[in-house]
Amino acid sequence: MKELIFEETGMPEEVLKIKESERPIPKEHEILVKVTARNINPSDIMFIRGMYGINPVLPSSAGFEACGVVEKADQAGKFEEGTRVMFTTIGTWREYVAVPAAGAIPVPEQMPDEIACQAFVNPMTAYGMIEKSGLKEGDWLLITAGASAFGKFAIQLAKEKGIKVAATVRQEEQKDYLKKIGADLVINTEKEKLQKVIGEHCQEGVHVVFDAVGGALGARALSSLRKKGRMLVFGALALENMPINSGLLIFKGLTIEGFWLSSWMEEIDSKTRSQAFLKVFGFLMKEDSQIDIAGKFPLHSFKEALTAYNLPGRNGKILLIG
């Protein structure tokens, strides 16, 4: 089988290479999946660079999320051969993956691979963060990197609950699109002062910030919170730590905490987990839900896929197919 691997951490374009390997042999509790589609997430890039919360065991494949078809069933028969499944694991950028049957999720019949391969990490993170935030109808939420896949999912899910949404972008052409899918306020931080715009539209400030960026933008987003406001941090796209104003925390009583989907999924009970999947899959299958795909590339064209992923202002996911 073909797989993308890296033997040292670094920029994906420099360290990734494609090679022929033996198919994995699944254990009794595992299924062998022929992978049909994978998406490229920021976490995948950070993992290859050695900057993620999980350190790669080298040599390693990349990718955390994918969908495919069961080629060999597990011994208990949880999934039959031919069943389409979505899953998360370390190393999905290969043709075959052995994953625990207990962690795989059957793909709804009407859901195409292009959606199934991105149906877990971003939409589930958006759903989980909205649930954890405690935001109510009429409250203000600020999302940094609003034009990201996560941002667009979060905007749409928040609007379903009547939450008012402000979002940051860096490209002027992204503003109208985010307003079209439900954002009440979109700020181009390359041209506008975030705190000033938030102050003009959100009275005392926003109730909650979802920050994917960190660095200077994260600090400005923190300053946009109202008293007793809360920031949930789930990314570091700026690759810089956020400088924290201690005075803000003290005198405004602000709270900063991290959010990691894996930890949240472990914390909730099975009933809550099932409700989350039903809600997210229902959203993904709605005709008016916006799920954007910017490009599809075969596994061997990974360098072209990475080039497309790095394009400024990209609107949609880059997928590795087949």
C-alpha atoms as a PDB file:
ATOM      1  CA  MET A   1       0.000   0.000   0.000  1.00  0.00           C
ATOM      2  CA  LYS A   2       1.010   3.630  -0.436  1.00  0.00           C
ATOM      3  CA  GLU A   3       1.470   5.834   2.596  1.00  0.00           C
ATOM      4  CA  LEU A   4       2.814   9.262   3.411  1.00  0.00           C
ATOM      5  CA  ILE A   5       5.421   9.208   6.164  1.00  0.00           C
ATOM      6  CA  PHE A   6       7.959  11.503   7.762  1.00  0.00           C
ATOM      7  CA  GLU A   7      11.152  10.362   9.476  1.00  0.00           C
ATOM      8  CA  GLU A   8      11.872  13.714  11.112  1.00  0.00           C
ATOM      9  CA  THR A   9       9.684  16.614  12.140  1.00  0.00           C
ATOM     10  CA  GLY A  10       9.637  19.735  10.015  1.00  0.00           C
ATOM     11  CA  MET A  11       7.694  21.539   7.309  1.00  0.00           C
ATOM     12  CA  PRO A  12       5.411  18.973   5.604  1.00  0.00           C
ATOM     13  CA  GLU A  13       6.604  19.952   2.135  1.00  0.00           C
ATOM     14  CA  GLU A  14      10.158  19.093   3.180  1.00  0.00           C
ATOM     15  CA  VAL A  15       9.806  15.972   5.340  1.00  0.00           C
ATOM     16  CA  LEU A  16       6.837  14.065   3.908  1.00  0.00           C
ATOM     17  CA  LYS A  17       7.488  11.338   1.357  1.00  0.00           C
ATOM     18  CA  ILE A  18       5.398   8.602  -0.222  1.00  0.00           C
ATOM     19  CA  LYS A  19       6.457   4.972   0.047  1.00  0.00           C
ATOM     20  CA  GLU A  20       5.190   1.436  -0.469  1.00  0.00           C
ATOM     21  CA  SER A  21       4.489  -0.511   2.733  1.00  0.00           C
ATOM     22  CA  GLU A  22       2.802  -3.711   3.849  1.00  0.00           C
ATOM     23  CA  ARG A  23      -0.874  -3.477   4.705  1.00  0.00           C
ATOM     24  CA  PRO A  24      -1.470  -3.411   8.465  1.00  0.00           C
ATOM     25  CA  ILE A  25      -2.763  -6.635  10.025  1.00  0.00           C
ATOM     26  CA  PRO A  26      -5.738  -5.806  12.263  1.00  0.00           C
ATOM     27  CA  LYS A  27      -5.966  -7.214  15.786  1.00  0.00           C
ATOM     28  CA  GLU A  28      -9.082  -9.061  16.967  1.00  0.00           C
ATOM     29  CA  HIS A  29     -10.802  -5.880  18.132  1.00  0.00           C
ATOM     30  CA  GLU A  30      -9.830  -3.898  15.049  1.00  0.00           C
ATOM     31  CA  ILE A  31     -11.195  -3.442  11.540  1.00  0.00           C
ATOM     32  CA  LEU A  32      -9.099  -2.996   8.414  1.00  0.00           C
ATOM     33  CA  VAL A  33     -10.300   0.050   6.499  1.00  0.00           C
ATOM     34  CA  LYS A  34      -9.516   0.976   2.911  1.00  0.00           C
ATOM     35  CA  VAL A  35      -9.315   4.754   3.226  1.00  0.00           C
ATOM     36  CA  THR A  36     -11.255   6.691   0.604  1.00  0.00           C
ATOM     37  CA  ALA A  37     -10.920  10.319   1.776  1.00  0.00           C
ATOM     38  CA  ARG A  38      -8.996  12.398   4.300  1.00  0.00           C
ATOM     39  CA  ASN A  39      -8.904  16.119   4.971  1.00  0.00           C
ATOM     40  CA  ILE A  40      -5.973  18.337   5.941  1.00  0.00           C
ATOM     41  CA  ASN A  41      -6.440  20.017   9.326  1.00  0.00           C
ATOM     42  CA  PRO A  42      -4.126  22.494  11.071  1.00  0.00           C
ATOM     43  CA  SER A  43      -3.521  19.820  13.722  1.00  0.00           C
ATOM     44  CA  ASP A  44      -2.087  17.533  11.012  1.00  0.00           C
ATOM     45  CA  ILE A  45       0.438  20.176  10.002  1.00  0.00           C
ATOM     46  CA  MET A  46       1.429  20.906  13.593  1.00  0.00           C
ATOM     47  CA  PHE A  47       1.845  17.175  14.268  1.00  0.00           C
ATOM     48  CA  ILE A  48       4.284  16.849  11.351  1.00  0.00           C
ATOM     49  CA  ARG A  49       6.169  19.885  12.620  1.00  0.00           C
ATOM     50  CA  GLY A  50       6.424  18.413  16.129  1.00  0.00           C
ATOM     51  CA  MET A  51       4.323  21.219  17.593  1.00  0.00           C
ATOM     52  CA  TYR A  52       1.148  19.327  18.549  1.00  0.00           C
ATOM     53  CA  GLY A  53       0.030  17.988  21.924  1.00  0.00           C
ATOM     54  CA  ILE A  54       0.845  14.446  20.755  1.00  0.00           C
ATOM     55  CA  ASN A  55       4.431  13.736  19.749  1.00  0.00           C
ATOM     56  CA  PRO A  56       4.953  11.524  16.674  1.00  0.00           C
ATOM     57  CA  VAL A  57       6.746   8.214  17.063  1.00  0.00           C
ATOM     58  CA  LEU A  58       9.122   8.339  14.105  1.00  0.00           C
ATOM     59  CA  PRO A  59       8.850   7.264  11.396  1.00  0.00           C
ATOM     60  CA  SER A  60       5.191   8.227  11.376  1.00  0.00           C
ATOM     61  CA  SER A  61       2.314   8.715   9.012  1.00  0.00           C
ATOM     62  CA  ALA A  62       0.268  11.899   9.287  1.00  0.00           C
ATOM     63  CA  GLY A  63      -3.420  12.750   9.446  1.00  0.00           C
ATOM     64  CA  PHE A  64      -5.959  12.291  12.234  1.00  0.00           C
ATOM     65  CA  GLU A  65      -9.302  12.064  10.429  1.00  0.00           C
ATOM     66  CA  ALA A  66     -10.658  10.020   7.510  1.00  0.00           C
ATOM     67  CA  CYS A  67     -13.403   7.803   6.147  1.00  0.00           C
ATOM     68  CA  GLY A  68     -13.317   4.557   4.234  1.00  0.00           C
ATOM     69  CA  VAL A  69     -14.747   1.096   3.656  1.00  0.00           C
ATOM     70  CA  VAL A  70     -14.287  -1.883   5.978  1.00  0.00           C
ATOM     71  CA  GLU A  71     -12.145  -4.450   4.161  1.00  0.00           C
ATOM     72  CA  LYS A  72     -11.832  -6.897   7.064  1.00  0.00           C
ATOM     73  CA  ALA A  73     -14.301  -7.107   9.937  1.00  0.00           C
ATOM     74  CA  ASP A  74     -13.410  -7.286  13.604  1.00  0.00           C
ATOM     75  CA  GLN A  75     -13.779 -10.630  15.350  1.00  0.00           C
ATOM     76  CA  ALA A  76     -16.871  -9.530  17.282  1.00  0.00           C
ATOM     77  CA  GLY A  77     -18.598  -8.534  14.055  1.00  0.00           C
ATOM     78  CA  LYS A  78     -19.391  -4.949  15.026  1.00  0.00           C
ATOM     79  CA  PHE A  79     -18.847  -3.899  11.397  1.00  0.00           C
ATOM     80  CA  GLU A  80     -19.414  -6.053   8.335  1.00  0.00           C
ATOM     81  CA  GLU A  81     -17.134  -5.929   5.331  1.00  0.00           C
ATOM     82  CA  GLY A  82     -18.230  -3.210   2.932  1.00  0.00           C
ATOM     83  CA  THR A  83     -19.526  -0.891   5.658  1.00  0.00           C
ATOM     84  CA  ARG A  84     -18.564   2.760   5.232  1.00  0.00           C
ATOM     85  CA  VAL A  85     -17.058   4.237   8.399  1.00  0.00           C
ATOM     86  CA  MET A  86     -15.474   7.460   9.616  1.00  0.00           C
ATOM     87  CA  PHE A  87     -12.794   7.457  12.284  1.00  0.00           C
ATOM     88  CA  THR A  88      -9.932   9.273  13.935  1.00  0.00           C
ATOM     89  CA  THR A  89      -6.501   7.776  14.525  1.00  0.00           C
ATOM     90  CA  ILE A  90      -2.858   8.730  14.155  1.00  0.00           C
ATOM     91  CA  GLY A  91      -1.802   8.237  10.547  1.00  0.00           C
ATOM     92  CA  THR A  92      -4.699   8.374   8.089  1.00  0.00           C
ATOM     93  CA  TRP A  93      -2.597   9.512   5.115  1.00  0.00           C
ATOM     94  CA  ARG A  94      -2.202   5.959   3.858  1.00  0.00           C
ATOM     95  CA  GLU A  95      -4.304   3.577   1.787  1.00  0.00           C
ATOM     96  CA  TYR A  96      -5.175   1.130   4.585  1.00  0.00           C
ATOM     97  CA  VAL A  97      -5.586   1.673   8.328  1.00  0.00           C
ATOM     98  CA  ALA A  98      -6.360  -0.738  11.168  1.00  0.00           C
ATOM     99  CA  VAL A  99      -8.516   0.965  13.801  1.00  0.00           C
ATOM    100  CA  PRO A 100     -10.442  -0.250  16.866  1.00  0.00           C
ATOM    101  CA  ALA A 101     -13.990  -1.152  15.880  1.00  0.00           C
ATOM    102  CA  ALA A 102     -15.289   0.570  19.016  1.00  0.00           C
ATOM    103  CA  GLY A 103     -13.963   3.922  17.810  1.00  0.00           C
ATOM    104  CA  ALA A 104     -15.340   3.798  14.265  1.00  0.00           C
ATOM    105  CA  ILE A 105     -18.632   5.470  13.340  1.00  0.00           C
ATOM    106  CA  PRO A 106     -20.897   4.239  10.531  1.00  0.00           C
ATOM    107  CA  VAL A 107     -21.344   6.819   7.780  1.00  0.00           C
ATOM    108  CA  PRO A 108     -24.980   7.726   7.026  1.00  0.00           C
ATOM    109  CA  GLU A 109     -25.950   6.353   3.631  1.00  0.00           C
ATOM    110  CA  GLN A 110     -26.683   9.772   2.126  1.00  0.00           C
ATOM    111  CA  MET A 111     -23.413  11.333   3.317  1.00  0.00           C
ATOM    112  CA  PRO A 112     -20.697  11.495   0.620  1.00  0.00           C
ATOM    113  CA  ASP A 113     -17.070  10.759   1.440  1.00  0.00           C
ATOM    114  CA  GLU A 114     -16.170  14.426   0.947  1.00  0.00           C
ATOM    115  CA  ILE A 115     -18.302  15.306   3.984  1.00  0.00           C
ATOM    116  CA  ALA A 116     -17.745  12.123   6.010  1.00  0.00           C
ATOM    117  CA  CYS A 117     -13.983  12.606   6.068  1.00  0.00           C
ATOM    118  CA  GLN A 118     -14.401  15.974   7.789  1.00  0.00           C
ATOM    119  CA  ALA A 119     -17.482  15.172   9.862  1.00  0.00           C
ATOM    120  CA  PHE A 120     -15.761  14.659  13.179  1.00  0.00           C
ATOM    121  CA  VAL A 121     -12.932  16.982  14.238  1.00  0.00           C
ATOM    122  CA  ASN A 122     -14.176  20.448  13.264  1.00  0.00           C
ATOM    123  CA  PRO A 123     -17.969  20.118  13.584  1.00  0.00           C
ATOM    124  CA  MET A 124     -17.720  18.115  16.814  1.00  0.00           C
ATOM    125  CA  THR A 125     -15.256  20.634  18.245  1.00  0.00           C
ATOM    126  CA  ALA A 126     -17.609  23.467  17.319  1.00  0.00           C
ATOM    127  CA  TYR A 127     -20.564  21.675  18.894  1.00  0.00           C
ATOM    128  CA  GLY A 128     -18.623  20.743  22.031  1.00  0.00           C
ATOM    129  CA  MET A 129     -17.289  24.260  22.550  1.00  0.00           C
ATOM    130  CA  ILE A 130     -20.734  25.812  22.161  1.00  0.00           C
ATOM    131  CA  GLU A 131     -22.126  23.333  24.698  1.00  0.00           C
ATOM    132  CA  LYS A 132     -19.268  23.962  27.131  1.00  0.00           C
ATOM    133  CA  SER A 133     -19.455  27.745  26.735  1.00  0.00           C
ATOM    134  CA  GLY A 134     -22.907  28.007  28.305  1.00  0.00           C
ATOM    135  CA  LEU A 135     -23.866  30.665  25.764  1.00  0.00           C
ATOM    136  CA  LYS A 136     -27.559  31.529  25.630  1.00  0.00           C
ATOM    137  CA  GLU A 137     -29.791  33.075  22.998  1.00  0.00           C
ATOM    138  CA  GLY A 138     -28.806  36.711  22.503  1.00  0.00           C
ATOM    139  CA  ASP A 139     -25.285  36.330  23.939  1.00  0.00           C
ATOM    140  CA  TRP A 140     -22.269  37.413  21.888  1.00  0.00           C
ATOM    141  CA  LEU A 141     -19.595  34.954  20.719  1.00  0.00           C
ATOM    142  CA  LEU A 142     -16.333  36.067  19.074  1.00  0.00           C
ATOM    143  CA  ILE A 143     -14.588  33.520  16.828  1.00  0.00           C
ATOM    144  CA  THR A 144     -11.028  34.171  15.638  1.00  0.00           C
ATOM    145  CA  ALA A 145     -10.112  32.762  12.203  1.00  0.00           C
ATOM    146  CA  GLY A 146     -13.805  32.845  11.358  1.00  0.00           C
ATOM    147  CA  ALA A 147     -13.307  31.715   7.746  1.00  0.00           C
ATOM    148  CA  SER A 148     -11.694  28.427   8.809  1.00  0.00           C
ATOM    149  CA  ALA A 149     -13.647  25.187   8.542  1.00  0.00           C
ATOM    150  CA  PHE A 150     -14.162  25.254  12.317  1.00  0.00           C
ATOM    151  CA  GLY A 151     -15.233  28.890  12.204  1.00  0.00           C
ATOM    152  CA  LYS A 152     -17.878  28.267   9.581  1.00  0.00           C
ATOM    153  CA  PHE A 153     -19.266  25.274  11.450  1.00  0.00           C
ATOM    154  CA  ALA A 154     -19.315  27.236  14.719  1.00  0.00           C
ATOM    155  CA  ILE A 155     -21.067  30.216  13.129  1.00  0.00           C
ATOM    156  CA  GLN A 156     -23.841  28.042  11.722  1.00  0.00           C
ATOM    157  CA  LEU A 157     -24.307  25.965  14.891  1.00  0.00           C
ATOM    158  CA  ALA A 158     -24.329  29.083  17.072  1.00  0.00           C
ATOM    159  CA  LYS A 159     -26.947  30.780  14.901  1.00  0.00           C
ATOM    160  CA  GLU A 160     -29.227  27.772  15.318  1.00  0.00           C
ATOM    161  CA  LYS A 161     -29.242  28.560  19.054  1.00  0.00           C
ATOM    162  CA  GLY A 162     -29.845  32.276  18.571  1.00  0.00           C
ATOM    163  CA  ILE A 163     -26.324  33.246  19.647  1.00  0.00           C
ATOM    164  CA  LYS A 164     -24.959  36.457  18.122  1.00  0.00           C
ATOM    165  CA  VAL A 165     -21.654  35.857  16.350  1.00  0.00           C
ATOM    166  CA  ALA A 166     -18.696  38.124  15.634  1.00  0.00           C
ATOM    167  CA  ALA A 167     -15.815  36.688  13.611  1.00  0.00           C
ATOM    168  CA  THR A 168     -12.368  37.809  12.529  1.00  0.00           C
ATOM    169  CA  VAL A 169     -10.916  37.404   9.041  1.00  0.00           C
ATOM    170  CA  ARG A 170      -7.826  38.645   7.204  1.00  0.00           C
ATOM    171  CA  GLN A 171      -9.291  38.804   3.686  1.00  0.00           C
ATOM    172  CA  GLU A 172     -11.922  41.415   2.802  1.00  0.00           C
ATOM    173  CA  GLU A 173     -13.735  39.071   0.409  1.00  0.00           C
ATOM    174  CA  GLN A 174     -14.476  36.661   3.266  1.00  0.00           C
ATOM    175  CA  LYS A 175     -16.686  39.155   5.110  1.00  0.00           C
ATOM    176  CA  ASP A 176     -19.800  38.867   2.937  1.00  0.00           C
ATOM    177  CA  TYR A 177     -19.595  35.077   2.870  1.00  0.00           C
ATOM    178  CA  LEU A 178     -19.499  34.764   6.671  1.00  0.00           C
ATOM    179  CA  LYS A 179     -22.403  37.174   7.015  1.00  0.00           C
ATOM    180  CA  LYS A 180     -24.326  35.087   4.491  1.00  0.00           C
ATOM    181  CA  ILE A 181     -23.953  31.936   6.631  1.00  0.00           C
ATOM    182  CA  GLY A 182     -24.980  33.703   9.834  1.00  0.00           C
ATOM    183  CA  ALA A 183     -22.274  35.951  11.289  1.00  0.00           C
ATOM    184  CA  ASP A 184     -23.704  39.198  12.687  1.00  0.00           C
ATOM    185  CA  LEU A 185     -20.385  41.039  12.632  1.00  0.00           C
ATOM    186  CA  VAL A 186     -17.186  40.315  10.682  1.00  0.00           C
ATOM    187  CA  ILE A 187     -13.964  42.213  11.377  1.00  0.00           C
ATOM    188  CA  ASN A 188     -11.012  42.302   8.994  1.00  0.00           C
ATOM    189  CA  THR A 189      -8.178  42.527  11.515  1.00  0.00           C
ATOM    190  CA  GLU A 190      -5.757  43.588   8.771  1.00  0.00           C
ATOM    191  CA  LYS A 191      -7.707  46.836   8.348  1.00  0.00           C
ATOM    192  CA  GLU A 192      -9.873  47.297  11.456  1.00  0.00           C
ATOM    193  CA  LYS A 193      -9.152  47.500  15.184  1.00  0.00           C
ATOM    194  CA  LEU A 194     -10.840  44.537  16.806  1.00  0.00           C
ATOM    195  CA  GLN A 195     -11.543  46.045  20.234  1.00  0.00           C
ATOM    196  CA  LYS A 196     -12.915  49.260  18.687  1.00  0.00           C
ATOM    197  CA  VAL A 197     -15.363  47.446  16.399  1.00  0.00           C
ATOM    198  CA  ILE A 198     -16.469  45.086  19.164  1.00  0.00           C
ATOM    199  CA  GLY A 199     -16.990  48.053  21.496  1.00  0.00           C
ATOM    200  CA  GLU A 200     -19.171  49.801  18.912  1.00  0.00           C
ATOM    201  CA  HIS A 201     -21.420  46.798  18.260  1.00  0.00           C
ATOM    202  CA  CYS A 202     -21.385  44.626  21.382  1.00  0.00           C
ATOM    203  CA  GLN A 203     -21.916  47.180  24.161  1.00  0.00           C
ATOM    204  CA  GLU A 204     -19.759  45.943  27.049  1.00  0.00           C
ATOM    205  CA  GLY A 205     -17.968  43.340  24.933  1.00  0.00           C
ATOM    206  CA  VAL A 206     -18.545  39.719  23.964  1.00  0.00           C
ATOM    207  CA  HIS A 207     -19.506  37.026  26.457  1.00  0.00           C
ATOM    208  CA  VAL A 208     -17.213  34.299  25.086  1.00  0.00           C
ATOM    209  CA  VAL A 209     -14.251  34.026  22.705  1.00  0.00           C
ATOM    210  CA  PHE A 210     -13.307  30.897  20.770  1.00  0.00           C
ATOM    211  CA  ASP A 211      -9.628  31.440  19.928  1.00  0.00           C
ATOM    212  CA  ALA A 212      -7.817  29.399  17.297  1.00  0.00           C
ATOM    213  CA  VAL A 213      -4.944  31.811  16.726  1.00  0.00           C
ATOM    214  CA  GLY A 214      -3.123  32.888  19.891  1.00  0.00           C
ATOM    215  CA  GLY A 215      -0.370  35.494  19.579  1.00  0.00           C
ATOM    216  CA  ALA A 216      -1.268  39.163  19.289  1.00  0.00           C
ATOM    217  CA  LEU A 217      -4.734  38.485  17.852  1.00  0.00           C
ATOM    218  CA  GLY A 218      -5.558  36.230  20.785  1.00  0.00           C
ATOM    219  CA  ALA A 219      -4.577  39.049  23.159  1.00  0.00           C
ATOM    220  CA  ARG A 220      -6.827  41.514  21.323  1.00  0.00           C
ATOM    221  CA  ALA A 221      -9.682  39.015  21.426  1.00  0.00           C
ATOM    222  CA  LEU A 222      -9.155  38.630  25.179  1.00  0.00           C
ATOM    223  CA  SER A 223      -9.435  42.420  25.523  1.00  0.00           C
ATOM    224  CA  SER A 224     -12.787  42.255  23.702  1.00  0.00           C
ATOM    225  CA  LEU A 225     -14.440  40.265  26.504  1.00  0.00           C
ATOM    226  CA  ARG A 226     -16.905  41.896  28.881  1.00  0.00           C
ATOM    227  CA  LYS A 227     -16.648  41.502  32.653  1.00  0.00           C
ATOM    228  CA  LYS A 228     -16.777  37.840  33.736  1.00  0.00           C
ATOM    229  CA  GLY A 229     -16.143  36.855  30.116  1.00  0.00           C
ATOM    230  CA  ARG A 230     -14.595  33.562  29.097  1.00  0.00           C
ATOM    231  CA  MET A 231     -12.071  32.522  26.464  1.00  0.00           C
ATOM    232  CA  LEU A 232     -11.855  28.945  25.191  1.00  0.00           C
ATOM    233  CA  VAL A 233      -8.522  28.331  23.450  1.00  0.00           C
ATOM    234  CA  PHE A 234      -8.316  25.421  21.003  1.00  0.00           C
ATOM    235  CA  GLY A 235      -5.590  26.354  18.519  1.00  0.00           C
ATOM    236  CA  ALA A 236      -2.382  28.294  17.943  1.00  0.00           C
ATOM    237  CA  LEU A 237      -2.367  29.187  14.251  1.00  0.00           C
ATOM    238  CA  ALA A 238      -0.084  32.160  14.878  1.00  0.00           C
ATOM    239  CA  LEU A 239       2.539  29.747  16.271  1.00  0.00           C
ATOM    240  CA  GLU A 240       3.111  32.311  19.025  1.00  0.00           C
ATOM    241  CA  ASN A 241       2.033  32.295  22.653  1.00  0.00           C
ATOM    242  CA  MET A 242      -0.634  34.812  23.582  1.00  0.00           C
ATOM    243  CA  PRO A 243       0.675  37.693  25.721  1.00  0.00           C
ATOM    244  CA  ILE A 244      -1.730  37.874  28.661  1.00  0.00           C
ATOM    245  CA  ASN A 245      -2.646  41.155  30.348  1.00  0.00           C
ATOM    246  CA  SER A 246      -2.850  40.166  34.018  1.00  0.00           C
ATOM    247  CA  GLY A 247      -4.768  43.325  34.846  1.00  0.00           C
ATOM    248  CA  LEU A 248      -7.581  42.310  32.520  1.00  0.00           C
ATOM    249  CA  LEU A 249      -7.907  38.961  34.255  1.00  0.00           C
ATOM    250  CA  ILE A 250      -7.928  40.560  37.686  1.00  0.00           C
ATOM    251  CA  PHE A 251     -10.187  43.570  37.213  1.00  0.00           C
ATOM    252  CA  LYS A 252     -12.598  42.089  34.669  1.00  0.00           C
ATOM    253  CA  GLY A 253     -12.675  38.633  36.259  1.00  0.00           C
ATOM    254  CA  LEU A 254     -11.916  36.866  32.982  1.00  0.00           C
ATOM    255  CA  THR A 255     -11.388  33.137  32.533  1.00  0.00           C
ATOM    256  CA  ILE A 256      -9.100  31.430  30.011  1.00  0.00           C
ATOM    257  CA  GLU A 257      -9.219  27.664  29.488  1.00  0.00           C
ATOM    258  CA  GLY A 258      -8.167  25.181  26.865  1.00  0.00           C
ATOM    259  CA  PHE A 259     -10.446  22.911  24.843  1.00  0.00           C
ATOM    260  CA  TRP A 260      -9.339  19.643  23.267  1.00  0.00           C
ATOM    261  CA  LEU A 261     -11.986  17.496  21.597  1.00  0.00           C
ATOM    262  CA  SER A 262     -10.478  14.195  22.776  1.00  0.00           C
ATOM    263  CA  SER A 263     -10.636  15.290  26.418  1.00  0.00           C
ATOM    264  CA  TRP A 264     -14.192  16.622  26.087  1.00  0.00           C
ATOM    265  CA  MET A 265     -15.367  13.376  24.489  1.00  0.00           C
ATOM    266  CA  GLU A 266     -13.891  11.423  27.405  1.00  0.00           C
ATOM    267  CA  GLU A 267     -15.580  13.689  29.954  1.00  0.00           C
ATOM    268  CA  ILE A 268     -19.151  13.348  28.647  1.00  0.00           C
ATOM    269  CA  ASP A 269     -21.357  10.291  29.145  1.00  0.00           C
ATOM    270  CA  SER A 270     -22.497   7.974  26.357  1.00  0.00           C
ATOM    271  CA  LYS A 271     -25.957   9.569  26.131  1.00  0.00           C
ATOM    272  CA  THR A 272     -24.498  13.056  25.702  1.00  0.00           C
ATOM    273  CA  ARG A 273     -22.017  11.693  23.158  1.00  0.00           C
ATOM    274  CA  SER A 274     -24.818  10.096  21.118  1.00  0.00           C
ATOM    275  CA  GLN A 275     -26.817  13.322  21.204  1.00  0.00           C
ATOM    276  CA  ALA A 276     -23.763  15.210  19.966  1.00  0.00           C
ATOM    277  CA  PHE A 277     -23.324  12.878  16.990  1.00  0.00           C
ATOM    278  CA  LEU A 278     -27.021  13.078  16.101  1.00  0.00           C
ATOM    279  CA  LYS A 279     -26.961  16.865  16.254  1.00  0.00           C
ATOM    280  CA  VAL A 280     -23.772  17.218  14.219  1.00  0.00           C
ATOM    281  CA  PHE A 281     -24.729  14.654  11.578  1.00  0.00           C
ATOM    282  CA  GLY A 282     -28.173  16.230  11.288  1.00  0.00           C
ATOM    283  CA  PHE A 283     -26.545  19.597  10.686  1.00  0.00           C
ATOM    284  CA  LEU A 284     -24.126  18.176   8.097  1.00  0.00           C
ATOM    285  CA  MET A 285     -26.967  16.568   6.146  1.00  0.00           C
ATOM    286  CA  LYS A 286     -29.122  19.707   5.964  1.00  0.00           C
ATOM    287  CA  GLU A 287     -29.395  21.115   2.452  1.00  0.00           C
ATOM    288  CA  ASP A 288     -28.666  24.668   3.592  1.00  0.00           C
ATOM    289  CA  SER A 289     -25.554  23.812   5.635  1.00  0.00           C
ATOM    290  CA  GLN A 290     -22.396  25.241   4.092  1.00  0.00           C
ATOM    291  CA  ILE A 291     -19.552  22.692   3.907  1.00  0.00           C
ATOM    292  CA  ASP A 292     -16.897  23.991   1.573  1.00  0.00           C
ATOM    293  CA  ILE A 293     -14.279  21.986  -0.330  1.00  0.00           C
ATOM    294  CA  ALA A 294     -11.471  23.920  -2.021  1.00  0.00           C
ATOM    295  CA  GLY A 295      -9.705  21.019  -3.713  1.00  0.00           C
ATOM    296  CA  LYS A 296      -9.333  17.234  -3.995  1.00  0.00           C
ATOM    297  CA  PHE A 297      -6.010  15.521  -4.693  1.00  0.00           C
ATOM    298  CA  PRO A 298      -4.880  11.892  -4.921  1.00  0.00           C
ATOM    299  CA  LEU A 299      -2.507  10.733  -2.194  1.00  0.00           C
ATOM    300  CA  HIS A 300       0.527  10.826  -4.486  1.00  0.00           C
ATOM    301  CA  SER A 301      -0.174  14.507  -5.274  1.00  0.00           C
ATOM    302  CA  PHE A 302       0.314  15.530  -1.654  1.00  0.00           C
ATOM    303  CA  LYS A 303       2.741  18.339  -2.535  1.00  0.00           C
ATOM    304  CA  GLU A 304       0.125  19.975  -4.762  1.00  0.00           C
ATOM    305  CA  ALA A 305      -2.432  19.465  -1.978  1.00  0.00           C
ATOM    306  CA  LEU A 306      -0.158  21.200   0.531  1.00  0.00           C
ATOM    307  CA  THR A 307       0.377  24.092  -1.882  1.00  0.00           C
ATOM    308  CA  ALA A 308      -3.402  24.490  -2.204  1.00  0.00           C
ATOM    309  CA  TYR A 309      -3.769  24.235   1.587  1.00  0.00           C
ATOM    310  CA  ASN A 310      -1.328  27.117   2.076  1.00  0.00           C
ATOM    311  CA  LEU A 311      -3.026  29.499  -0.372  1.00  0.00           C
ATOM    312  CA  PRO A 312      -4.011  32.783   1.364  1.00  0.00           C
ATOM    313  CA  GLY A 313      -7.762  33.260   1.589  1.00  0.00           C
ATOM    314  CA  ARG A 314      -8.514  29.609   0.784  1.00  0.00           C
ATOM    315  CA  ASN A 315     -12.234  28.962   1.214  1.00  0.00           C
ATOM    316  CA  GLY A 316     -12.800  25.300   1.999  1.00  0.00           C
ATOM    317  CA  LYS A 317     -11.099  22.069   2.914  1.00  0.00           C
ATOM    318  CA  ILE A 318      -8.319  20.388   0.979  1.00  0.00           C
ATOM    319  CA  LEU A 319      -8.939  16.642   0.668  1.00  0.00           C
ATOM    320  CA  LEU A 320      -6.660  13.696  -0.078  1.00  0.00           C
ATOM    321  CA  ILE A 321      -8.745  11.167  -2.009  1.00  0.00           C
ATOM    322  CA  GLY A 322      -8.206   7.479  -2.692  1.00  0.00           C
END
